[in-house]
């Protein structure tokens, strides 16, 4: 084997290692993207889904409702009991 062939063989080995590393990185990024998409889907459903699909609690960007807030005063179910 000539010096040039040994050099090309070493380059080939390095390139294969680089390709393996990049494939692993792409797989990790795809898993991360899938997790983030699931989070976005859940938050979108929470904020904008049908009433039957919404999760309990305030939606994105909406402050929590307290008994003394104006929003609560319009909702009889959260007003303090009379007495």
PDB file of N, CA and C in Angstrom:
ATOM      1  N   UNK A   1       0.854  -1.166   0.000  1.00  0.00           N
ATOM      2  CA  UNK A   1       0.000   0.000   0.000  1.00  0.00           C
ATOM      3  C   UNK A   1       0.910   1.243   0.000  1.00  0.00           C
ATOM      4  N   UNK A   2       0.606   2.165  -0.861  1.00  0.00           N
ATOM      5  CA  UNK A   2       1.416   3.369  -0.973  1.00  0.00           C
ATOM      6  C   UNK A   2       1.031   4.360   0.110  1.00  0.00           C
ATOM      7  N   UNK A   3       1.842   5.383   0.244  1.00  0.00           N
ATOM      8  CA  UNK A   3       1.589   6.425   1.242  1.00  0.00           C
ATOM      9  C   UNK A   3       0.266   7.129   0.937  1.00  0.00           C
ATOM     10  N   UNK A   4       0.012   7.339  -0.339  1.00  0.00           N
ATOM     11  CA  UNK A   4      -1.246   8.015  -0.727  1.00  0.00           C
ATOM     12  C   UNK A   4      -2.450   7.150  -0.364  1.00  0.00           C
ATOM     13  N   UNK A   5      -2.376   5.855  -0.569  1.00  0.00           N
ATOM     14  CA  UNK A   5      -3.474   4.955  -0.219  1.00  0.00           C
ATOM     15  C   UNK A   5      -3.695   4.919   1.290  1.00  0.00           C
ATOM     16  N   UNK A   6      -2.599   4.932   2.071  1.00  0.00           N
ATOM     17  CA  UNK A   6      -2.740   4.960   3.536  1.00  0.00           C
ATOM     18  C   UNK A   6      -3.389   6.272   3.995  1.00  0.00           C
ATOM     19  N   UNK A   7      -3.001   7.362   3.341  1.00  0.00           N
ATOM     20  CA  UNK A   7      -3.588   8.669   3.678  1.00  0.00           C
ATOM     21  C   UNK A   7      -5.080   8.686   3.362  1.00  0.00           C
ATOM     22  N   UNK A   8      -5.458   8.140   2.207  1.00  0.00           N
ATOM     23  CA  UNK A   8      -6.874   8.087   1.834  1.00  0.00           C
ATOM     24  C   UNK A   8      -7.647   7.164   2.771  1.00  0.00           C
ATOM     25  N   UNK A   9      -7.039   6.074   3.190  1.00  0.00           N
ATOM     26  CA  UNK A   9      -7.689   5.158   4.126  1.00  0.00           C
ATOM     27  C   UNK A   9      -7.924   5.848   5.473  1.00  0.00           C
ATOM     28  N   UNK A  10      -6.948   6.610   5.940  1.00  0.00           N
ATOM     29  CA  UNK A  10      -7.103   7.342   7.205  1.00  0.00           C
ATOM     30  C   UNK A  10      -8.193   8.407   7.067  1.00  0.00           C
ATOM     31  N   UNK A  11      -8.213   9.103   5.923  1.00  0.00           N
ATOM     32  CA  UNK A  11      -9.264  10.101   5.683  1.00  0.00           C
ATOM     33  C   UNK A  11     -10.645   9.437   5.674  1.00  0.00           C
ATOM     34  N   UNK A  12     -10.721   8.277   5.049  1.00  0.00           N
ATOM     35  CA  UNK A  12     -11.984   7.552   4.982  1.00  0.00           C
ATOM     36  C   UNK A  12     -12.467   7.179   6.385  1.00  0.00           C
ATOM     37  N   UNK A  13     -11.570   6.728   7.236  1.00  0.00           N
ATOM     38  CA  UNK A  13     -11.920   6.373   8.608  1.00  0.00           C
ATOM     39  C   UNK A  13     -12.423   7.594   9.373  1.00  0.00           C
ATOM     40  N   UNK A  14     -11.721   8.723   9.231  1.00  0.00           N
ATOM     41  CA  UNK A  14     -12.148   9.959   9.907  1.00  0.00           C
ATOM     42  C   UNK A  14     -13.518  10.416   9.400  1.00  0.00           C
ATOM     43  N   UNK A  15     -13.710  10.336   8.093  1.00  0.00           N
ATOM     44  CA  UNK A  15     -14.991  10.766   7.518  1.00  0.00           C
ATOM     45  C   UNK A  15     -16.137   9.879   7.981  1.00  0.00           C
ATOM     46  N   UNK A  16     -15.895   8.571   8.075  1.00  0.00           N
ATOM     47  CA  UNK A  16     -16.941   7.668   8.571  1.00  0.00           C
ATOM     48  C   UNK A  16     -17.285   7.984  10.031  1.00  0.00           C
ATOM     49  N   UNK A  17     -16.283   8.299  10.836  1.00  0.00           N
ATOM     50  CA  UNK A  17     -16.528   8.668  12.233  1.00  0.00           C
ATOM     51  C   UNK A  17     -17.333   9.964  12.309  1.00  0.00           C
ATOM     52  N   UNK A  18     -17.014  10.914  11.446  1.00  0.00           N
ATOM     53  CA  UNK A  18     -17.748  12.184  11.414  1.00  0.00           C
ATOM     54  C   UNK A  18     -19.199  11.953  11.011  1.00  0.00           C
ATOM     55  N   UNK A  19     -19.432  11.107  10.021  1.00  0.00           N
ATOM     56  CA  UNK A  19     -20.790  10.803   9.584  1.00  0.00           C
ATOM     57  C   UNK A  19     -21.573  10.138  10.718  1.00  0.00           C
ATOM     58  N   UNK A  20     -20.946   9.202  11.419  1.00  0.00           N
ATOM     59  CA  UNK A  20     -21.622   8.549  12.554  1.00  0.00           C
ATOM     60  C   UNK A  20     -21.983   9.558  13.633  1.00  0.00           C
ATOM     61  N   UNK A  21     -21.062  10.477  13.915  1.00  0.00           N
ATOM     62  CA  UNK A  21     -21.315  11.511  14.925  1.00  0.00           C
ATOM     63  C   UNK A  21     -22.467  12.409  14.491  1.00  0.00           C
ATOM     64  N   UNK A  22     -22.495  12.800  13.231  1.00  0.00           N
ATOM     65  CA  UNK A  22     -23.565  13.665  12.731  1.00  0.00           C
ATOM     66  C   UNK A  22     -24.919  12.955  12.730  1.00  0.00           C
ATOM     67  N   UNK A  23     -24.916  11.660  12.398  1.00  0.00           N
ATOM     68  CA  UNK A  23     -26.170  10.900  12.449  1.00  0.00           C
ATOM     69  C   UNK A  23     -26.713  10.846  13.871  1.00  0.00           C
ATOM     70  N   UNK A  24     -25.824  10.668  14.829  1.00  0.00           N
ATOM     71  CA  UNK A  24     -26.241  10.646  16.225  1.00  0.00           C
ATOM     72  C   UNK A  24     -26.798  12.010  16.641  1.00  0.00           C
ATOM     73  N   UNK A  25     -26.129  13.067  16.216  1.00  0.00           N
ATOM     74  CA  UNK A  25     -26.594  14.415  16.539  1.00  0.00           C
ATOM     75  C   UNK A  25     -27.974  14.682  15.929  1.00  0.00           C
ATOM     76  N   UNK A  26     -28.176  14.285  14.688  1.00  0.00           N
ATOM     77  CA  UNK A  26     -29.482  14.468  14.026  1.00  0.00           C
ATOM     78  C   UNK A  26     -30.570  13.700  14.773  1.00  0.00           C
ATOM     79  N   UNK A  27     -30.263  12.477  15.193  1.00  0.00           N
ATOM     80  CA  UNK A  27     -31.249  11.680  15.936  1.00  0.00           C
ATOM     81  C   UNK A  27     -31.605  12.366  17.254  1.00  0.00           C
ATOM     82  N   UNK A  28     -30.602  12.903  17.965  1.00  0.00           N
ATOM     83  CA  UNK A  28     -30.861  13.623  19.219  1.00  0.00           C
ATOM     84  C   UNK A  28     -31.721  14.858  18.974  1.00  0.00           C
ATOM     85  N   UNK A  29     -31.401  15.599  17.923  1.00  0.00           N
ATOM     86  CA  UNK A  29     -32.174  16.803  17.620  1.00  0.00           C
ATOM     87  C   UNK A  29     -33.609  16.468  17.221  1.00  0.00           C
ATOM     88  N   UNK A  30     -33.802  15.368  16.522  1.00  0.00           N
ATOM     89  CA  UNK A  30     -35.167  14.960  16.162  1.00  0.00           C
ATOM     90  C   UNK A  30     -35.970  14.587  17.397  1.00  0.00           C
ATOM     91  N   UNK A  31     -35.328  13.885  18.350  1.00  0.00           N
ATOM     92  CA  UNK A  31     -36.028  13.549  19.599  1.00  0.00           C
ATOM     93  C   UNK A  31     -36.389  14.822  20.370  1.00  0.00           C
ATOM     94  N   UNK A  32     -35.459  15.774  20.417  1.00  0.00           N
ATOM     95  CA  UNK A  32     -35.725  17.037  21.105  1.00  0.00           C
ATOM     96  C   UNK A  32     -36.865  17.784  20.416  1.00  0.00           C
ATOM     97  N   UNK A  33     -36.871  17.805  19.104  1.00  0.00           N
ATOM     98  CA  UNK A  33     -37.933  18.467  18.354  1.00  0.00           C
ATOM     99  C   UNK A  33     -39.282  17.812  18.613  1.00  0.00           C
ATOM    100  N   UNK A  34     -39.309  16.479  18.665  1.00  0.00           N
ATOM    101  CA  UNK A  34     -40.559  15.769  18.955  1.00  0.00           C
ATOM    102  C   UNK A  34     -41.090  16.129  20.340  1.00  0.00           C
ATOM    103  N   UNK A  35     -40.208  16.189  21.339  1.00  0.00           N
ATOM    104  CA  UNK A  35     -40.637  16.570  22.698  1.00  0.00           C
ATOM    105  C   UNK A  35     -41.175  17.998  22.721  1.00  0.00           C
ATOM    106  N   UNK A  36     -40.491  18.899  22.037  1.00  0.00           N
ATOM    107  CA  UNK A  36     -40.947  20.288  21.999  1.00  0.00           C
ATOM    108  C   UNK A  36     -42.275  20.414  21.265  1.00  0.00           C
ATOM    109  N   UNK A  37     -42.459  19.629  20.198  1.00  0.00           N
ATOM    110  CA  UNK A  37     -43.727  19.678  19.472  1.00  0.00           C
ATOM    111  C   UNK A  37     -44.867  19.181  20.344  1.00  0.00           C
ATOM    112  N   UNK A  38     -44.630  18.134  21.130  1.00  0.00           N
ATOM    113  CA  UNK A  38     -45.658  17.646  22.052  1.00  0.00           C
ATOM    114  C   UNK A  38     -46.021  18.719  23.072  1.00  0.00           C
ATOM    115  N   UNK A  39     -45.011  19.430  23.575  1.00  0.00           N
ATOM    116  CA  UNK A  39     -45.267  20.509  24.528  1.00  0.00           C
ATOM    117  C   UNK A  39     -46.077  21.618  23.877  1.00  0.00           C
ATOM    118  N   UNK A  40     -45.712  22.003  22.667  1.00  0.00           N
ATOM    119  CA  UNK A  40     -46.465  23.040  21.954  1.00  0.00           C
ATOM    120  C   UNK A  40     -47.894  22.610  21.689  1.00  0.00           C
ATOM    121  N   UNK A  41     -48.086  21.369  21.287  1.00  0.00           N
ATOM    122  CA  UNK A  41     -49.446  20.866  21.040  1.00  0.00           C
ATOM    123  C   UNK A  41     -50.281  20.919  22.319  1.00  0.00           C
ATOM    124  N   UNK A  42     -49.683  20.517  23.439  1.00  0.00           N
ATOM    125  CA  UNK A  42     -50.411  20.532  24.709  1.00  0.00           C
ATOM    126  C   UNK A  42     -50.761  21.959  25.112  1.00  0.00           C
ATOM    127  N   UNK A  43     -49.809  22.882  24.979  1.00  0.00           N
ATOM    128  CA  UNK A  43     -50.080  24.277  25.344  1.00  0.00           C
ATOM    129  C   UNK A  43     -51.120  24.906  24.418  1.00  0.00           C
ATOM    130  N   UNK A  44     -51.062  24.579  23.140  1.00  0.00           N
ATOM    131  CA  UNK A  44     -52.045  25.115  22.196  1.00  0.00           C
ATOM    132  C   UNK A  44     -53.431  24.591  22.525  1.00  0.00           C
ATOM    133  N   UNK A  45     -53.526  23.302  22.836  1.00  0.00           N
ATOM    134  CA  UNK A  45     -54.824  22.720  23.203  1.00  0.00           C
ATOM    135  C   UNK A  45     -55.341  23.351  24.489  1.00  0.00           C
ATOM    136  N   UNK A  46     -54.437  23.607  25.441  1.00  0.00           N
ATOM    137  CA  UNK A  46     -54.835  24.229  26.699  1.00  0.00           C
ATOM    138  C   UNK A  46     -55.375  25.637  26.463  1.00  0.00           C
ATOM    139  N   UNK A  47     -54.701  26.385  25.610  1.00  0.00           N
ATOM    140  CA  UNK A  47     -55.082  27.780  25.398  1.00  0.00           C
ATOM    141  C   UNK A  47     -56.239  27.954  24.424  1.00  0.00           C
ATOM    142  N   UNK A  48     -56.281  27.148  23.378  1.00  0.00           N
ATOM    143  CA  UNK A  48     -57.218  27.422  22.301  1.00  0.00           C
ATOM    144  C   UNK A  48     -58.138  26.254  21.954  1.00  0.00           C
ATOM    145  N   UNK A  49     -58.030  25.143  22.654  1.00  0.00           N
ATOM    146  CA  UNK A  49     -58.843  23.970  22.323  1.00  0.00           C
ATOM    147  C   UNK A  49     -60.297  24.174  22.683  1.00  0.00           C
ATOM    148  N   UNK A  50     -61.105  23.209  22.304  1.00  0.00           N
ATOM    149  CA  UNK A  50     -62.512  23.251  22.688  1.00  0.00           C
ATOM    150  C   UNK A  50     -62.610  23.225  24.201  1.00  0.00           C
ATOM    151  N   UNK A  51     -63.697  23.738  24.708  1.00  0.00           N
ATOM    152  CA  UNK A  51     -63.890  23.797  26.155  1.00  0.00           C
ATOM    153  C   UNK A  51     -63.750  22.420  26.785  1.00  0.00           C
ATOM    154  N   UNK A  52     -64.244  21.402  26.124  1.00  0.00           N
ATOM    155  CA  UNK A  52     -64.159  20.059  26.679  1.00  0.00           C
ATOM    156  C   UNK A  52     -62.738  19.521  26.655  1.00  0.00           C
ATOM    157  N   UNK A  53     -61.868  20.096  25.822  1.00  0.00           N
ATOM    158  CA  UNK A  53     -60.496  19.631  25.722  1.00  0.00           C
ATOM    159  C   UNK A  53     -59.546  20.432  26.596  1.00  0.00           C
ATOM    160  N   UNK A  54     -59.983  21.590  27.073  1.00  0.00           N
ATOM    161  CA  UNK A  54     -59.091  22.454  27.838  1.00  0.00           C
ATOM    162  C   UNK A  54     -58.763  21.841  29.188  1.00  0.00           C
ATOM    163  N   UNK A  55     -57.558  22.084  29.588  1.00  0.00           N
ATOM    164  CA  UNK A  55     -57.135  21.636  30.907  1.00  0.00           C
ATOM    165  C   UNK A  55     -57.549  22.679  31.933  1.00  0.00           C
ATOM    166  N   UNK A  56     -57.788  22.303  33.181  1.00  0.00           N
ATOM    167  CA  UNK A  56     -58.208  23.277  34.185  1.00  0.00           C
ATOM    168  C   UNK A  56     -57.100  24.284  34.472  1.00  0.00           C
ATOM    169  N   UNK A  57     -57.500  25.461  34.898  1.00  0.00           N
ATOM    170  CA  UNK A  57     -56.550  26.504  35.265  1.00  0.00           C
ATOM    171  C   UNK A  57     -56.510  27.603  34.226  1.00  0.00           C
ATOM    172  N   UNK A  58     -55.730  28.647  34.504  1.00  0.00           N
ATOM    173  CA  UNK A  58     -55.656  29.766  33.572  1.00  0.00           C
ATOM    174  C   UNK A  58     -54.952  29.343  32.279  1.00  0.00           C
ATOM    175  N   UNK A  59     -55.281  30.018  31.184  1.00  0.00           N
ATOM    176  CA  UNK A  59     -54.640  29.730  29.911  1.00  0.00           C
ATOM    177  C   UNK A  59     -53.383  30.569  29.781  1.00  0.00           C
ATOM    178  N   UNK A  60     -52.652  30.351  28.721  1.00  0.00           N
ATOM    179  CA  UNK A  60     -51.404  31.051  28.488  1.00  0.00           C
ATOM    180  C   UNK A  60     -51.669  32.548  28.404  1.00  0.00           C
ATOM    181  N   UNK A  61     -50.940  33.337  29.154  1.00  0.00           N
ATOM    182  CA  UNK A  61     -51.075  34.782  29.125  1.00  0.00           C
ATOM    183  C   UNK A  61     -52.241  35.316  29.931  1.00  0.00           C
ATOM    184  N   UNK A  62     -52.995  34.493  30.587  1.00  0.00           N
ATOM    185  CA  UNK A  62     -54.143  34.923  31.377  1.00  0.00           C
ATOM    186  C   UNK A  62     -53.777  34.835  32.854  1.00  0.00           C
ATOM    187  N   UNK A  63     -53.949  35.943  33.584  1.00  0.00           N
ATOM    188  CA  UNK A  63     -53.613  35.881  35.009  1.00  0.00           C
ATOM    189  C   UNK A  63     -54.593  34.988  35.764  1.00  0.00           C
ATOM    190  N   UNK A  64     -54.141  34.382  36.855  1.00  0.00           N
ATOM    191  CA  UNK A  64     -55.054  33.543  37.624  1.00  0.00           C
ATOM    192  C   UNK A  64     -56.198  34.366  38.214  1.00  0.00           C
ATOM    193  N   UNK A  65     -57.356  33.770  38.311  1.00  0.00           N
ATOM    194  CA  UNK A  65     -58.538  34.446  38.843  1.00  0.00           C
ATOM    195  C   UNK A  65     -58.556  34.282  40.361  1.00  0.00           C
ATOM    196  N   UNK A  66     -58.682  35.402  41.061  1.00  0.00           N
ATOM    197  CA  UNK A  66     -58.796  35.375  42.518  1.00  0.00           C
ATOM    198  C   UNK A  66     -60.176  35.881  42.898  1.00  0.00           C
ATOM    199  N   UNK A  67     -60.582  35.678  44.142  1.00  0.00           N
ATOM    200  CA  UNK A  67     -61.920  36.084  44.572  1.00  0.00           C
ATOM    201  C   UNK A  67     -62.143  37.588  44.515  1.00  0.00           C
ATOM    202  N   UNK A  68     -61.088  38.366  44.573  1.00  0.00           N
ATOM    203  CA  UNK A  68     -61.265  39.822  44.555  1.00  0.00           C
ATOM    204  C   UNK A  68     -61.013  40.432  43.174  1.00  0.00           C
ATOM    205  N   UNK A  69     -60.760  39.617  42.159  1.00  0.00           N
ATOM    206  CA  UNK A  69     -60.506  40.166  40.826  1.00  0.00           C
ATOM    207  C   UNK A  69     -61.836  40.485  40.136  1.00  0.00           C
ATOM    208  N   UNK A  70     -61.826  41.477  39.218  1.00  0.00           N
ATOM    209  CA  UNK A  70     -63.054  41.826  38.494  1.00  0.00           C
ATOM    210  C   UNK A  70     -63.603  40.645  37.692  1.00  0.00           C
ATOM    211  N   UNK A  71     -62.731  39.810  37.160  1.00  0.00           N
ATOM    212  CA  UNK A  71     -63.203  38.655  36.387  1.00  0.00           C
ATOM    213  C   UNK A  71     -64.001  37.714  37.267  1.00  0.00           C
ATOM    214  N   UNK A  72     -63.602  37.563  38.510  1.00  0.00           N
ATOM    215  CA  UNK A  72     -64.289  36.660  39.424  1.00  0.00           C
ATOM    216  C   UNK A  72     -65.646  37.230  39.831  1.00  0.00           C
ATOM    217  N   UNK A  73     -65.720  38.528  39.945  1.00  0.00           N
ATOM    218  CA  UNK A  73     -66.982  39.140  40.353  1.00  0.00           C
ATOM    219  C   UNK A  73     -68.059  38.948  39.290  1.00  0.00           C
ATOM    220  N   UNK A  74     -67.639  38.750  38.040  1.00  0.00           N
ATOM    221  CA  UNK A  74     -68.602  38.492  36.974  1.00  0.00           C
ATOM    222  C   UNK A  74     -69.012  37.028  36.940  1.00  0.00           C
ATOM    223  N   UNK A  75     -68.264  36.195  37.640  1.00  0.00           N
ATOM    224  CA  UNK A  75     -68.560  34.763  37.667  1.00  0.00           C
ATOM    225  C   UNK A  75     -69.096  34.388  39.042  1.00  0.00           C
ATOM    226  N   UNK A  76     -70.383  34.100  39.152  1.00  0.00           N
ATOM    227  CA  UNK A  76     -70.959  33.832  40.459  1.00  0.00           C
ATOM    228  C   UNK A  76     -70.328  32.609  41.144  1.00  0.00           C
ATOM    229  N   UNK A  77     -69.832  31.676  40.397  1.00  0.00           N
ATOM    230  CA  UNK A  77     -69.322  30.456  41.033  1.00  0.00           C
ATOM    231  C   UNK A  77     -68.040  30.688  41.818  1.00  0.00           C
ATOM    232  N   UNK A  78     -67.323  31.773  41.565  1.00  0.00           N
ATOM    233  CA  UNK A  78     -66.097  31.983  42.327  1.00  0.00           C
ATOM    234  C   UNK A  78     -66.249  33.088  43.369  1.00  0.00           C
ATOM    235  N   UNK A  79     -67.407  33.686  43.440  1.00  0.00           N
ATOM    236  CA  UNK A  79     -67.640  34.712  44.456  1.00  0.00           C
ATOM    237  C   UNK A  79     -67.732  34.068  45.838  1.00  0.00           C
ATOM    238  N   UNK A  80     -67.320  34.803  46.831  1.00  0.00           N
ATOM    239  CA  UNK A  80     -67.361  34.282  48.195  1.00  0.00           C
ATOM    240  C   UNK A  80     -68.808  34.091  48.623  1.00  0.00           C
ATOM    241  N   UNK A  81     -69.092  33.066  49.413  1.00  0.00           N
ATOM    242  CA  UNK A  81     -70.469  32.844  49.860  1.00  0.00           C
ATOM    243  C   UNK A  81     -70.949  34.000  50.741  1.00  0.00           C
ATOM    244  N   UNK A  82     -72.194  34.351  50.584  1.00  0.00           N
ATOM    245  CA  UNK A  82     -72.772  35.432  51.383  1.00  0.00           C
ATOM    246  C   UNK A  82     -72.962  34.948  52.819  1.00  0.00           C
ATOM    247  N   UNK A  83     -72.701  35.850  53.707  1.00  0.00           N
ATOM    248  CA  UNK A  83     -72.995  35.376  55.021  1.00  0.00           C
ATOM    249  C   UNK A  83     -72.339  36.031  56.092  1.00  0.00           C
TER     250      UNK A  83
END
